[in-house]
Amino acid sequence: MTPPIGVEGRSLSAGKILVSEVAGRVSQPDLIEFASKCASQPGLYFDTTHRQTAALRIAKEIAEAKGDFTVSFDSAGCLNGLAFLADLEFDSAIFGMRMGAIRPLYASGTATEQALAMAEIVSSVLLHARANGFHHLMARVPTSSYTAVHALEQFGFCTMGVQVTLAMKSALSNAGDQSSQGIAIRAFTETDLPFLQELSAEAYTESRLFADPHLPAEAVRHLHRLWVANDCHGRAAKVLVADFKGEPVGYIACLLHRVEEESYVGDIDLLAVSLTARGKGVGSALVAAAAQWFRPRTTFVMVKTQVSNFGAIALYQRAGFQLAQAHVTLHAKL
């Protein structure tokens, strides 16, 4: 482990820090207290039923992560900042370079204390990333956390987009009419895959990946082809396909995330409709069918899209989703 770096009475542990080592330096109550402070920051979690619940989720996120941590302690030796550098193996294989993600990036204290802790942490993460052969990093932080955005920008990260999260209680979902105007919704079959892959290659041009000038567009298209294939082959719990007049014209991929022993959150991972079929109600029919499938299985359903994708946001809002959270996505080429 890299020796701690002293900064104005604080210490920053940089480099590879295993979870067990973090646990040895930070007690579980201290971790919960730190997570509670982070959870109290506006915009961190959209499911903010109780601050303690959010704190436990943050603590669980930290405890279950495996990899390289950078941790900041204040002058009293209390944890006041943390980041985790994750390997993006899927992305790395596609783009032919080692790619990583900073997640999460947390800090507690006053605005000044958070700014100092985050600047120290991002600086240390970049030193560690360069020393370990990373060529490209991404980070996604709440739009409300200007401190995190500014800390990342200070070290060369550039904004690639703003992602909004919409959420809806599953019990409130309304299945609607899924078969009007010649639209039929059915389960995915293997014969659909070539069409779904080519549709996906052109459907997500507003994504952060297409916005990054350092990532070749054809490689981004290839990533989306593999992404939908993974969803169809088991990553998604359900993939539904829309037929219009007997031909496939769109699809929706549904994920399930376990949050408690018998409690799941639904997640619309991918949704795409061919250009020739837009404006005919295909997207609405797919979302309605997914909502009906989610209803007996989840407590609530979420979906993420770019803030610039006004059509998608309007589609989800018509289905009963509400804007719940927004994140800034930033990239850095090392």
C-alpha atoms as a PDB file:
ATOM      1  CA  MET A   1       0.000   0.000   0.000  1.00  0.00           C
ATOM      2  CA  THR A   2       1.203   3.490  -0.778  1.00  0.00           C
ATOM      3  CA  PRO A   3       2.113   5.389   2.401  1.00  0.00           C
ATOM      4  CA  PRO A   4      -0.456   7.950   3.566  1.00  0.00           C
ATOM      5  CA  ILE A   5      -0.001  11.466   2.209  1.00  0.00           C
ATOM      6  CA  GLY A   6      -0.339  14.201   4.830  1.00  0.00           C
ATOM      7  CA  VAL A   7      -2.283  17.312   3.775  1.00  0.00           C
ATOM      8  CA  GLU A   8      -3.066  20.036   6.308  1.00  0.00           C
ATOM      9  CA  GLY A   9      -3.357  17.677   9.238  1.00  0.00           C
ATOM     10  CA  ARG A  10      -5.296  15.095   7.228  1.00  0.00           C
ATOM     11  CA  SER A  11      -4.137  11.782   5.833  1.00  0.00           C
ATOM     12  CA  LEU A  12      -5.011  10.267   2.515  1.00  0.00           C
ATOM     13  CA  SER A  13      -4.533   6.567   1.954  1.00  0.00           C
ATOM     14  CA  ALA A  14      -3.796   6.103  -1.710  1.00  0.00           C
ATOM     15  CA  GLY A  15      -3.474   3.099  -3.939  1.00  0.00           C
ATOM     16  CA  LYS A  16      -4.745  -0.424  -3.432  1.00  0.00           C
ATOM     17  CA  ILE A  17      -6.686  -0.769  -0.193  1.00  0.00           C
ATOM     18  CA  LEU A  18      -8.624  -3.982   0.234  1.00  0.00           C
ATOM     19  CA  VAL A  19     -12.031  -3.926   1.892  1.00  0.00           C
ATOM     20  CA  SER A  20     -10.620  -5.931   4.795  1.00  0.00           C
ATOM     21  CA  GLU A  21      -7.964  -3.284   5.343  1.00  0.00           C
ATOM     22  CA  VAL A  22     -10.563  -0.508   5.276  1.00  0.00           C
ATOM     23  CA  ALA A  23     -12.589  -2.488   7.805  1.00  0.00           C
ATOM     24  CA  GLY A  24      -9.491  -2.754   9.989  1.00  0.00           C
ATOM     25  CA  ARG A  25      -9.073   1.013  10.047  1.00  0.00           C
ATOM     26  CA  VAL A  26     -12.733   2.010  10.149  1.00  0.00           C
ATOM     27  CA  SER A  27     -15.246   0.469  12.528  1.00  0.00           C
ATOM     28  CA  GLN A  28     -18.710  -0.484  11.300  1.00  0.00           C
ATOM     29  CA  PRO A  29     -20.359   2.285  13.381  1.00  0.00           C
ATOM     30  CA  ASP A  30     -17.921   4.795  11.851  1.00  0.00           C
ATOM     31  CA  LEU A  31     -18.758   3.522   8.388  1.00  0.00           C
ATOM     32  CA  ILE A  32     -22.490   3.850   9.089  1.00  0.00           C
ATOM     33  CA  GLU A  33     -21.969   7.361  10.473  1.00  0.00           C
ATOM     34  CA  PHE A  34     -20.011   8.386   7.367  1.00  0.00           C
ATOM     35  CA  ALA A  35     -22.625   6.827   5.090  1.00  0.00           C
ATOM     36  CA  SER A  36     -25.387   8.620   7.002  1.00  0.00           C
ATOM     37  CA  LYS A  37     -23.669  11.950   6.400  1.00  0.00           C
ATOM     38  CA  CYS A  38     -23.418  11.158   2.696  1.00  0.00           C
ATOM     39  CA  ALA A  39     -27.040  10.030   2.560  1.00  0.00           C
ATOM     40  CA  SER A  40     -28.166  13.373   3.978  1.00  0.00           C
ATOM     41  CA  GLN A  41     -26.779  15.174   0.942  1.00  0.00           C
ATOM     42  CA  PRO A  42     -29.614  16.059  -1.446  1.00  0.00           C
ATOM     43  CA  GLY A  43     -29.988  14.079  -4.631  1.00  0.00           C
ATOM     44  CA  LEU A  44     -27.836  11.080  -3.731  1.00  0.00           C
ATOM     45  CA  TYR A  45     -30.645   8.539  -3.619  1.00  0.00           C
ATOM     46  CA  PHE A  46     -34.144   8.779  -5.077  1.00  0.00           C
ATOM     47  CA  ASP A  47     -35.500   6.090  -2.735  1.00  0.00           C
ATOM     48  CA  THR A  48     -35.073   8.290   0.338  1.00  0.00           C
ATOM     49  CA  THR A  49     -37.779   6.817   2.562  1.00  0.00           C
ATOM     50  CA  HIS A  50     -35.486   7.096   5.556  1.00  0.00           C
ATOM     51  CA  ARG A  51     -32.009   8.529   5.873  1.00  0.00           C
ATOM     52  CA  GLN A  52     -30.882   5.469   7.815  1.00  0.00           C
ATOM     53  CA  THR A  53     -32.067   3.184   5.018  1.00  0.00           C
ATOM     54  CA  ALA A  54     -30.034   5.156   2.500  1.00  0.00           C
ATOM     55  CA  ALA A  55     -27.055   5.107   4.875  1.00  0.00           C
ATOM     56  CA  LEU A  56     -27.228   1.333   5.186  1.00  0.00           C
ATOM     57  CA  ARG A  57     -27.309   1.022   1.393  1.00  0.00           C
ATOM     58  CA  ILE A  58     -24.230   3.214   1.011  1.00  0.00           C
ATOM     59  CA  ALA A  59     -22.421   1.235   3.720  1.00  0.00           C
ATOM     60  CA  LYS A  60     -23.404  -2.029   2.002  1.00  0.00           C
ATOM     61  CA  GLU A  61     -22.200  -0.653  -1.336  1.00  0.00           C
ATOM     62  CA  ILE A  62     -18.829   0.142   0.211  1.00  0.00           C
ATOM     63  CA  ALA A  63     -18.548  -3.138   2.107  1.00  0.00           C
ATOM     64  CA  GLU A  64     -19.397  -5.332  -0.894  1.00  0.00           C
ATOM     65  CA  ALA A  65     -17.095  -3.597  -3.380  1.00  0.00           C
ATOM     66  CA  LYS A  66     -13.869  -5.362  -4.323  1.00  0.00           C
ATOM     67  CA  GLY A  67     -10.876  -3.538  -5.716  1.00  0.00           C
ATOM     68  CA  ASP A  68      -8.892  -0.389  -5.240  1.00  0.00           C
ATOM     69  CA  PHE A  69     -10.003   2.174  -2.687  1.00  0.00           C
ATOM     70  CA  THR A  70      -8.769   5.653  -1.939  1.00  0.00           C
ATOM     71  CA  VAL A  71      -9.794   6.774   1.534  1.00  0.00           C
ATOM     72  CA  SER A  72      -9.463  10.134   3.246  1.00  0.00           C
ATOM     73  CA  PHE A  73      -9.390  10.661   7.017  1.00  0.00           C
ATOM     74  CA  ASP A  74      -9.729  13.947   8.864  1.00  0.00           C
ATOM     75  CA  SER A  75      -7.336  15.221  11.551  1.00  0.00           C
ATOM     76  CA  ALA A  76      -9.237  13.222  14.192  1.00  0.00           C
ATOM     77  CA  GLY A  77      -8.750  10.005  12.227  1.00  0.00           C
ATOM     78  CA  CYS A  78     -12.383   9.756  11.133  1.00  0.00           C
ATOM     79  CA  LEU A  79     -13.332   8.645   7.638  1.00  0.00           C
ATOM     80  CA  ASN A  80     -14.449  11.676   5.623  1.00  0.00           C
ATOM     81  CA  GLY A  81     -13.966  10.668   2.002  1.00  0.00           C
ATOM     82  CA  LEU A  82     -13.916   7.582  -0.172  1.00  0.00           C
ATOM     83  CA  ALA A  83     -13.697   6.515  -3.806  1.00  0.00           C
ATOM     84  CA  PHE A  84     -13.494   3.126  -5.484  1.00  0.00           C
ATOM     85  CA  LEU A  85     -11.732   2.556  -8.804  1.00  0.00           C
ATOM     86  CA  ALA A  86     -13.474  -0.237 -10.711  1.00  0.00           C
ATOM     87  CA  ASP A  87     -12.175  -2.067 -13.773  1.00  0.00           C
ATOM     88  CA  LEU A  88     -14.563  -1.856 -16.745  1.00  0.00           C
ATOM     89  CA  GLU A  89     -13.591  -5.177 -18.292  1.00  0.00           C
ATOM     90  CA  PHE A  90     -16.431  -5.229 -20.836  1.00  0.00           C
ATOM     91  CA  ASP A  91     -15.570  -1.747 -22.129  1.00  0.00           C
ATOM     92  CA  SER A  92     -11.830  -2.451 -22.043  1.00  0.00           C
ATOM     93  CA  ALA A  93     -12.192  -5.518 -24.256  1.00  0.00           C
ATOM     94  CA  ILE A  94     -14.208  -3.588 -26.838  1.00  0.00           C
ATOM     95  CA  PHE A  95     -12.103  -0.435 -27.000  1.00  0.00           C
ATOM     96  CA  GLY A  96      -8.713  -2.152 -26.654  1.00  0.00           C
ATOM     97  CA  MET A  97      -7.491  -0.155 -23.663  1.00  0.00           C
ATOM     98  CA  ARG A  98      -7.813  -0.430 -19.904  1.00  0.00           C
ATOM     99  CA  MET A  99     -10.881   1.520 -18.824  1.00  0.00           C
ATOM    100  CA  GLY A 100     -12.153   2.202 -15.334  1.00  0.00           C
ATOM    101  CA  ALA A 101     -14.852   3.961 -13.357  1.00  0.00           C
ATOM    102  CA  ILE A 102     -14.681   5.999 -10.172  1.00  0.00           C
ATOM    103  CA  ARG A 103     -17.640   4.802  -8.140  1.00  0.00           C
ATOM    104  CA  PRO A 104     -18.638   5.870  -5.688  1.00  0.00           C
ATOM    105  CA  LEU A 105     -17.104   9.255  -4.859  1.00  0.00           C
ATOM    106  CA  TYR A 106     -18.270  10.307  -1.409  1.00  0.00           C
ATOM    107  CA  ALA A 107     -17.192  12.962   1.079  1.00  0.00           C
ATOM    108  CA  SER A 108     -18.728  14.350   4.248  1.00  0.00           C
ATOM    109  CA  GLY A 109     -18.359  17.570   6.221  1.00  0.00           C
ATOM    110  CA  THR A 110     -18.751  21.196   5.242  1.00  0.00           C
ATOM    111  CA  ALA A 111     -18.577  22.266   1.603  1.00  0.00           C
ATOM    112  CA  THR A 112     -14.946  23.291   2.094  1.00  0.00           C
ATOM    113  CA  GLU A 113     -14.067  19.986   3.771  1.00  0.00           C
ATOM    114  CA  GLN A 114     -15.798  18.021   1.019  1.00  0.00           C
ATOM    115  CA  ALA A 115     -13.981  19.981  -1.679  1.00  0.00           C
ATOM    116  CA  LEU A 116     -10.595  19.328  -0.090  1.00  0.00           C
ATOM    117  CA  ALA A 117     -11.291  15.643   0.491  1.00  0.00           C
ATOM    118  CA  MET A 118     -12.584  15.081  -3.047  1.00  0.00           C
ATOM    119  CA  ALA A 119      -9.679  16.937  -4.656  1.00  0.00           C
ATOM    120  CA  GLU A 120      -7.224  14.837  -2.676  1.00  0.00           C
ATOM    121  CA  ILE A 121      -9.052  11.633  -3.551  1.00  0.00           C
ATOM    122  CA  VAL A 122      -9.388  12.327  -7.294  1.00  0.00           C
ATOM    123  CA  SER A 123      -5.708  13.326  -7.485  1.00  0.00           C
ATOM    124  CA  SER A 124      -4.703  10.112  -5.766  1.00  0.00           C
ATOM    125  CA  VAL A 125      -7.015   7.957  -7.892  1.00  0.00           C
ATOM    126  CA  LEU A 126      -5.480   9.400 -11.073  1.00  0.00           C
ATOM    127  CA  LEU A 127      -1.938   8.730  -9.835  1.00  0.00           C
ATOM    128  CA  HIS A 128      -2.897   5.158  -9.030  1.00  0.00           C
ATOM    129  CA  ALA A 129      -4.748   4.702 -12.335  1.00  0.00           C
ATOM    130  CA  ARG A 130      -1.807   5.920 -14.413  1.00  0.00           C
ATOM    131  CA  ALA A 131       0.622   3.734 -12.470  1.00  0.00           C
ATOM    132  CA  ASN A 132      -1.562   0.697 -13.134  1.00  0.00           C
ATOM    133  CA  GLY A 133      -2.073   1.118 -16.858  1.00  0.00           C
ATOM    134  CA  PHE A 134      -5.509   2.715 -17.044  1.00  0.00           C
ATOM    135  CA  HIS A 135      -6.050   4.789 -20.189  1.00  0.00           C
ATOM    136  CA  HIS A 136      -9.622   6.035 -19.742  1.00  0.00           C
ATOM    137  CA  LEU A 137     -11.785   6.775 -16.688  1.00  0.00           C
ATOM    138  CA  MET A 138     -15.416   7.688 -16.219  1.00  0.00           C
ATOM    139  CA  ALA A 139     -17.245   9.042 -13.186  1.00  0.00           C
ATOM    140  CA  ARG A 140     -20.932   9.661 -12.545  1.00  0.00           C
ATOM    141  CA  VAL A 141     -21.921  11.992  -9.719  1.00  0.00           C
ATOM    142  CA  PRO A 142     -25.202  13.636  -8.659  1.00  0.00           C
ATOM    143  CA  THR A 143     -25.895  16.952 -10.360  1.00  0.00           C
ATOM    144  CA  SER A 144     -26.481  18.378  -6.881  1.00  0.00           C
ATOM    145  CA  SER A 145     -22.874  17.562  -5.925  1.00  0.00           C
ATOM    146  CA  TYR A 146     -21.141  20.540  -7.499  1.00  0.00           C
ATOM    147  CA  THR A 147     -18.166  19.766  -5.274  1.00  0.00           C
ATOM    148  CA  ALA A 148     -17.660  16.389  -6.952  1.00  0.00           C
ATOM    149  CA  VAL A 149     -18.135  17.833 -10.453  1.00  0.00           C
ATOM    150  CA  HIS A 150     -15.631  20.606  -9.792  1.00  0.00           C
ATOM    151  CA  ALA A 151     -13.113  18.209  -8.242  1.00  0.00           C
ATOM    152  CA  LEU A 152     -13.254  15.986 -11.322  1.00  0.00           C
ATOM    153  CA  GLU A 153     -13.067  18.944 -13.730  1.00  0.00           C
ATOM    154  CA  GLN A 154     -10.054  20.244 -11.820  1.00  0.00           C
ATOM    155  CA  PHE A 155      -8.159  17.117 -12.857  1.00  0.00           C
ATOM    156  CA  GLY A 156      -9.137  17.015 -16.518  1.00  0.00           C
ATOM    157  CA  PHE A 157     -12.491  15.220 -16.550  1.00  0.00           C
ATOM    158  CA  CYS A 158     -14.953  16.530 -19.146  1.00  0.00           C
ATOM    159  CA  THR A 159     -18.744  16.283 -19.065  1.00  0.00           C
ATOM    160  CA  MET A 160     -20.170  13.772 -21.549  1.00  0.00           C
ATOM    161  CA  GLY A 161     -23.822  14.066 -20.594  1.00  0.00           C
ATOM    162  CA  VAL A 162     -26.429  14.374 -17.886  1.00  0.00           C
ATOM    163  CA  GLN A 163     -28.374  11.236 -17.046  1.00  0.00           C
ATOM    164  CA  VAL A 164     -31.807  11.472 -15.440  1.00  0.00           C
ATOM    165  CA  THR A 165     -33.458   8.698 -13.459  1.00  0.00           C
ATOM    166  CA  LEU A 166     -37.239   8.341 -13.515  1.00  0.00           C
ATOM    167  CA  ALA A 167     -39.053   6.120 -11.037  1.00  0.00           C
ATOM    168  CA  MET A 168     -42.542   4.741 -10.525  1.00  0.00           C
ATOM    169  CA  LYS A 169     -44.066   2.599  -7.807  1.00  0.00           C
ATOM    170  CA  SER A 170     -44.772  -0.707  -9.467  1.00  0.00           C
ATOM    171  CA  ALA A 171     -48.198  -1.015  -7.819  1.00  0.00           C
ATOM    172  CA  LEU A 172     -49.275   2.206  -9.545  1.00  0.00           C
ATOM    173  CA  SER A 173     -48.306   1.063 -13.023  1.00  0.00           C
ATOM    174  CA  ASN A 174     -51.029   0.974 -15.628  1.00  0.00           C
ATOM    175  CA  ALA A 175     -50.584  -1.666 -18.328  1.00  0.00           C
ATOM    176  CA  GLY A 176     -52.688   0.239 -20.856  1.00  0.00           C
ATOM    177  CA  ASP A 177     -53.506  -1.017 -24.339  1.00  0.00           C
ATOM    178  CA  GLN A 178     -50.625  -3.028 -25.775  1.00  0.00           C
ATOM    179  CA  SER A 179     -52.218  -4.231 -29.021  1.00  0.00           C
ATOM    180  CA  SER A 180     -53.788  -1.141 -30.579  1.00  0.00           C
ATOM    181  CA  GLN A 181     -52.987   0.025 -34.116  1.00  0.00           C
ATOM    182  CA  GLY A 182     -51.526  -3.322 -35.179  1.00  0.00           C
ATOM    183  CA  ILE A 183     -48.886  -3.488 -32.419  1.00  0.00           C
ATOM    184  CA  ALA A 184     -48.271  -6.853 -30.738  1.00  0.00           C
ATOM    185  CA  ILE A 185     -45.913  -7.397 -27.777  1.00  0.00           C
ATOM    186  CA  ARG A 186     -44.315 -10.795 -27.283  1.00  0.00           C
ATOM    187  CA  ALA A 187     -41.303 -12.451 -25.644  1.00  0.00           C
ATOM    188  CA  PHE A 188     -37.905 -12.362 -27.354  1.00  0.00           C
ATOM    189  CA  THR A 189     -36.866 -15.314 -29.496  1.00  0.00           C
ATOM    190  CA  GLU A 190     -33.377 -16.040 -30.767  1.00  0.00           C
ATOM    191  CA  THR A 191     -34.364 -15.205 -34.349  1.00  0.00           C
ATOM    192  CA  ASP A 192     -34.939 -11.582 -33.218  1.00  0.00           C
ATOM    193  CA  LEU A 193     -31.316 -11.052 -32.187  1.00  0.00           C
ATOM    194  CA  PRO A 194     -29.793  -9.833 -35.497  1.00  0.00           C
ATOM    195  CA  PHE A 195     -32.510  -7.180 -35.838  1.00  0.00           C
ATOM    196  CA  LEU A 196     -32.187  -6.118 -32.190  1.00  0.00           C
ATOM    197  CA  GLN A 197     -28.416  -5.800 -32.511  1.00  0.00           C
ATOM    198  CA  GLU A 198     -28.543  -3.610 -35.592  1.00  0.00           C
ATOM    199  CA  LEU A 199     -31.316  -1.505 -34.081  1.00  0.00           C
ATOM    200  CA  SER A 200     -29.212  -1.041 -30.931  1.00  0.00           C
ATOM    201  CA  ALA A 201     -26.148  -0.053 -32.934  1.00  0.00           C
ATOM    202  CA  GLU A 202     -27.926   3.075 -34.180  1.00  0.00           C
ATOM    203  CA  ALA A 203     -30.466   3.800 -31.438  1.00  0.00           C
ATOM    204  CA  TYR A 204     -28.353   5.268 -28.629  1.00  0.00           C
ATOM    205  CA  THR A 205     -26.442   8.067 -30.345  1.00  0.00           C
ATOM    206  CA  GLU A 206     -27.111  10.459 -27.437  1.00  0.00           C
ATOM    207  CA  SER A 207     -25.193   8.243 -25.004  1.00  0.00           C
ATOM    208  CA  ARG A 208     -22.040   9.339 -23.174  1.00  0.00           C
ATOM    209  CA  LEU A 209     -20.023   6.910 -25.292  1.00  0.00           C
ATOM    210  CA  PHE A 210     -20.951   8.532 -28.601  1.00  0.00           C
ATOM    211  CA  ALA A 211     -20.238  11.944 -27.036  1.00  0.00           C
ATOM    212  CA  ASP A 212     -16.637  11.011 -26.218  1.00  0.00           C
ATOM    213  CA  PRO A 213     -14.306  11.966 -29.116  1.00  0.00           C
ATOM    214  CA  HIS A 214     -11.695   9.498 -27.844  1.00  0.00           C
ATOM    215  CA  LEU A 215     -13.973   6.487 -28.437  1.00  0.00           C
ATOM    216  CA  PRO A 216     -14.418   5.309 -32.064  1.00  0.00           C
ATOM    217  CA  ALA A 217     -18.067   5.394 -33.123  1.00  0.00           C
ATOM    218  CA  GLU A 218     -17.966   1.924 -34.686  1.00  0.00           C
ATOM    219  CA  ALA A 219     -16.604   0.459 -31.440  1.00  0.00           C
ATOM    220  CA  VAL A 220     -19.461   2.152 -29.553  1.00  0.00           C
ATOM    221  CA  ARG A 221     -21.947   0.572 -31.975  1.00  0.00           C
ATOM    222  CA  HIS A 222     -20.305  -2.806 -31.405  1.00  0.00           C
ATOM    223  CA  LEU A 223     -20.628  -2.313 -27.638  1.00  0.00           C
ATOM    224  CA  HIS A 224     -24.371  -1.753 -27.992  1.00  0.00           C
ATOM    225  CA  ARG A 225     -24.699  -4.874 -30.169  1.00  0.00           C
ATOM    226  CA  LEU A 226     -23.039  -6.930 -27.445  1.00  0.00           C
ATOM    227  CA  TRP A 227     -25.011  -5.158 -24.706  1.00  0.00           C
ATOM    228  CA  VAL A 228     -28.394  -6.167 -26.115  1.00  0.00           C
ATOM    229  CA  ALA A 229     -27.099  -9.677 -26.833  1.00  0.00           C
ATOM    230  CA  ASN A 230     -26.084 -10.011 -23.171  1.00  0.00           C
ATOM    231  CA  ASP A 231     -29.534  -8.826 -22.092  1.00  0.00           C
ATOM    232  CA  CYS A 232     -31.198 -11.352 -24.393  1.00  0.00           C
ATOM    233  CA  HIS A 233     -28.966 -14.179 -23.148  1.00  0.00           C
ATOM    234  CA  GLY A 234     -29.594 -13.841 -19.429  1.00  0.00           C
ATOM    235  CA  ARG A 235     -28.464 -10.479 -18.123  1.00  0.00           C
ATOM    236  CA  ALA A 236     -32.051  -9.214 -18.371  1.00  0.00           C
ATOM    237  CA  ALA A 237     -34.847 -10.992 -16.556  1.00  0.00           C
ATOM    238  CA  LYS A 238     -37.178 -10.360 -19.492  1.00  0.00           C
ATOM    239  CA  VAL A 239     -36.851  -9.012 -23.044  1.00  0.00           C
ATOM    240  CA  LEU A 240     -40.039  -8.069 -24.882  1.00  0.00           C
ATOM    241  CA  VAL A 241     -40.260  -7.437 -28.622  1.00  0.00           C
ATOM    242  CA  ALA A 242     -42.815  -5.271 -30.442  1.00  0.00           C
ATOM    243  CA  ASP A 243     -44.187  -6.411 -33.793  1.00  0.00           C
ATOM    244  CA  PHE A 244     -45.961  -4.014 -36.136  1.00  0.00           C
ATOM    245  CA  LYS A 245     -47.923  -5.661 -38.926  1.00  0.00           C
ATOM    246  CA  GLY A 246     -46.027  -8.865 -38.315  1.00  0.00           C
ATOM    247  CA  GLU A 247     -42.491  -7.392 -38.355  1.00  0.00           C
ATOM    248  CA  PRO A 248     -40.256  -6.634 -35.324  1.00  0.00           C
ATOM    249  CA  VAL A 249     -39.872  -2.893 -34.791  1.00  0.00           C
ATOM    250  CA  GLY A 250     -38.636  -2.472 -31.219  1.00  0.00           C
ATOM    251  CA  TYR A 251     -37.779  -4.049 -27.893  1.00  0.00           C
ATOM    252  CA  ILE A 252     -37.473  -3.411 -24.171  1.00  0.00           C
ATOM    253  CA  ALA A 253     -35.096  -5.155 -21.733  1.00  0.00           C
ATOM    254  CA  CYS A 254     -36.142  -5.519 -18.081  1.00  0.00           C
ATOM    255  CA  LEU A 255     -33.710  -6.082 -15.200  1.00  0.00           C
ATOM    256  CA  LEU A 256     -34.449  -7.076 -11.602  1.00  0.00           C
ATOM    257  CA  HIS A 257     -32.175  -5.897  -8.763  1.00  0.00           C
ATOM    258  CA  ARG A 258     -32.484  -7.594  -5.371  1.00  0.00           C
ATOM    259  CA  VAL A 259     -32.567  -5.004  -2.577  1.00  0.00           C
ATOM    260  CA  GLU A 260     -33.724  -7.242   0.272  1.00  0.00           C
ATOM    261  CA  GLU A 261     -34.386 -10.954   0.775  1.00  0.00           C
ATOM    262  CA  GLU A 262     -37.619 -11.010  -1.218  1.00  0.00           C
ATOM    263  CA  SER A 263     -37.732  -7.468  -2.543  1.00  0.00           C
ATOM    264  CA  TYR A 264     -36.695  -6.362  -6.023  1.00  0.00           C
ATOM    265  CA  VAL A 265     -36.361  -3.100  -7.929  1.00  0.00           C
ATOM    266  CA  GLY A 266     -37.250  -3.110 -11.615  1.00  0.00           C
ATOM    267  CA  ASP A 267     -34.948  -1.456 -14.130  1.00  0.00           C
ATOM    268  CA  ILE A 268     -35.675  -0.713 -17.791  1.00  0.00           C
ATOM    269  CA  ASP A 269     -32.186  -1.286 -19.139  1.00  0.00           C
ATOM    270  CA  LEU A 270     -32.707  -0.738 -22.876  1.00  0.00           C
ATOM    271  CA  LEU A 271     -35.568   0.489 -25.040  1.00  0.00           C
ATOM    272  CA  ALA A 272     -35.378   1.083 -28.782  1.00  0.00           C
ATOM    273  CA  VAL A 273     -37.849   1.551 -31.646  1.00  0.00           C
ATOM    274  CA  SER A 274     -36.890   1.555 -35.336  1.00  0.00           C
ATOM    275  CA  LEU A 275     -37.066   4.898 -37.131  1.00  0.00           C
ATOM    276  CA  THR A 276     -39.795   3.716 -39.501  1.00  0.00           C
ATOM    277  CA  ALA A 277     -42.086   2.757 -36.598  1.00  0.00           C
ATOM    278  CA  ARG A 278     -41.734   5.837 -34.408  1.00  0.00           C
ATOM    279  CA  GLY A 279     -44.821   7.899 -33.722  1.00  0.00           C
ATOM    280  CA  LYS A 280     -47.103   4.863 -33.912  1.00  0.00           C
ATOM    281  CA  GLY A 281     -47.312   4.108 -30.177  1.00  0.00           C
ATOM    282  CA  VAL A 282     -44.710   1.316 -30.174  1.00  0.00           C
ATOM    283  CA  GLY A 283     -42.656   2.799 -27.325  1.00  0.00           C
ATOM    284  CA  SER A 284     -45.763   3.326 -25.188  1.00  0.00           C
ATOM    285  CA  ALA A 285     -46.896  -0.252 -25.837  1.00  0.00           C
ATOM    286  CA  LEU A 286     -43.496  -1.622 -24.836  1.00  0.00           C
ATOM    287  CA  VAL A 287     -43.359   0.421 -21.625  1.00  0.00           C
ATOM    288  CA  ALA A 288     -46.934  -0.623 -20.756  1.00  0.00           C
ATOM    289  CA  ALA A 289     -46.095  -4.297 -21.298  1.00  0.00           C
ATOM    290  CA  ALA A 290     -42.936  -3.997 -19.205  1.00  0.00           C
ATOM    291  CA  ALA A 291     -44.886  -2.261 -16.409  1.00  0.00           C
ATOM    292  CA  GLN A 292     -47.393  -5.112 -16.418  1.00  0.00           C
ATOM    293  CA  TRP A 293     -44.573  -7.673 -16.235  1.00  0.00           C
ATOM    294  CA  PHE A 294     -42.838  -5.766 -13.400  1.00  0.00           C
ATOM    295  CA  ARG A 295     -45.992  -5.250 -11.306  1.00  0.00           C
ATOM    296  CA  PRO A 296     -46.103  -8.575  -9.378  1.00  0.00           C
ATOM    297  CA  ARG A 297     -42.306  -8.764  -9.117  1.00  0.00           C
ATOM    298  CA  THR A 298     -41.084  -5.367  -7.885  1.00  0.00           C
ATOM    299  CA  THR A 299     -41.717  -2.589  -5.393  1.00  0.00           C
ATOM    300  CA  PHE A 300     -40.855   0.121  -7.897  1.00  0.00           C
ATOM    301  CA  VAL A 301     -39.406   0.509 -11.373  1.00  0.00           C
ATOM    302  CA  MET A 302     -36.709   2.900 -12.548  1.00  0.00           C
ATOM    303  CA  VAL A 303     -35.278   3.919 -15.896  1.00  0.00           C
ATOM    304  CA  LYS A 304     -32.332   6.101 -16.909  1.00  0.00           C
ATOM    305  CA  THR A 305     -31.958   8.247 -20.007  1.00  0.00           C
ATOM    306  CA  GLN A 306     -30.081  11.333 -21.173  1.00  0.00           C
ATOM    307  CA  VAL A 307     -31.598  14.680 -20.210  1.00  0.00           C
ATOM    308  CA  SER A 308     -31.386  15.668 -23.879  1.00  0.00           C
ATOM    309  CA  ASN A 309     -33.649  12.763 -24.866  1.00  0.00           C
ATOM    310  CA  PHE A 310     -36.898  14.711 -24.477  1.00  0.00           C
ATOM    311  CA  GLY A 311     -38.934  12.129 -26.380  1.00  0.00           C
ATOM    312  CA  ALA A 312     -37.959   9.306 -24.023  1.00  0.00           C
ATOM    313  CA  ILE A 313     -38.577  11.439 -20.924  1.00  0.00           C
ATOM    314  CA  ALA A 314     -42.053  12.386 -22.185  1.00  0.00           C
ATOM    315  CA  LEU A 315     -42.780   8.730 -22.997  1.00  0.00           C
ATOM    316  CA  TYR A 316     -41.952   7.598 -19.459  1.00  0.00           C
ATOM    317  CA  GLN A 317     -43.817  10.475 -17.841  1.00  0.00           C
ATOM    318  CA  ARG A 318     -46.956   9.578 -19.805  1.00  0.00           C
ATOM    319  CA  ALA A 319     -46.620   6.050 -18.430  1.00  0.00           C
ATOM    320  CA  GLY A 320     -46.563   7.345 -14.838  1.00  0.00           C
ATOM    321  CA  PHE A 321     -42.842   7.749 -14.158  1.00  0.00           C
ATOM    322  CA  GLN A 322     -41.598  10.818 -12.308  1.00  0.00           C
ATOM    323  CA  LEU A 323     -38.216  12.512 -12.471  1.00  0.00           C
ATOM    324  CA  ALA A 324     -36.309  11.407  -9.396  1.00  0.00           C
ATOM    325  CA  GLN A 325     -32.592  12.002  -9.797  1.00  0.00           C
ATOM    326  CA  ALA A 326     -29.954  13.384 -12.158  1.00  0.00           C
ATOM    327  CA  HIS A 327     -26.260  12.618 -12.562  1.00  0.00           C
ATOM    328  CA  VAL A 328     -23.419  14.219 -14.489  1.00  0.00           C
ATOM    329  CA  THR A 329     -21.231  11.768 -16.387  1.00  0.00           C
ATOM    330  CA  LEU A 330     -17.601  12.784 -16.905  1.00  0.00           C
ATOM    331  CA  HIS A 331     -14.733  11.119 -18.777  1.00  0.00           C
ATOM    332  CA  ALA A 332     -10.965  11.549 -18.646  1.00  0.00           C
ATOM    333  CA  LYS A 333      -8.406  10.254 -21.161  1.00  0.00           C
ATOM    334  CA  LEU A 334      -5.168   9.521 -19.339  1.00  0.00           C
END
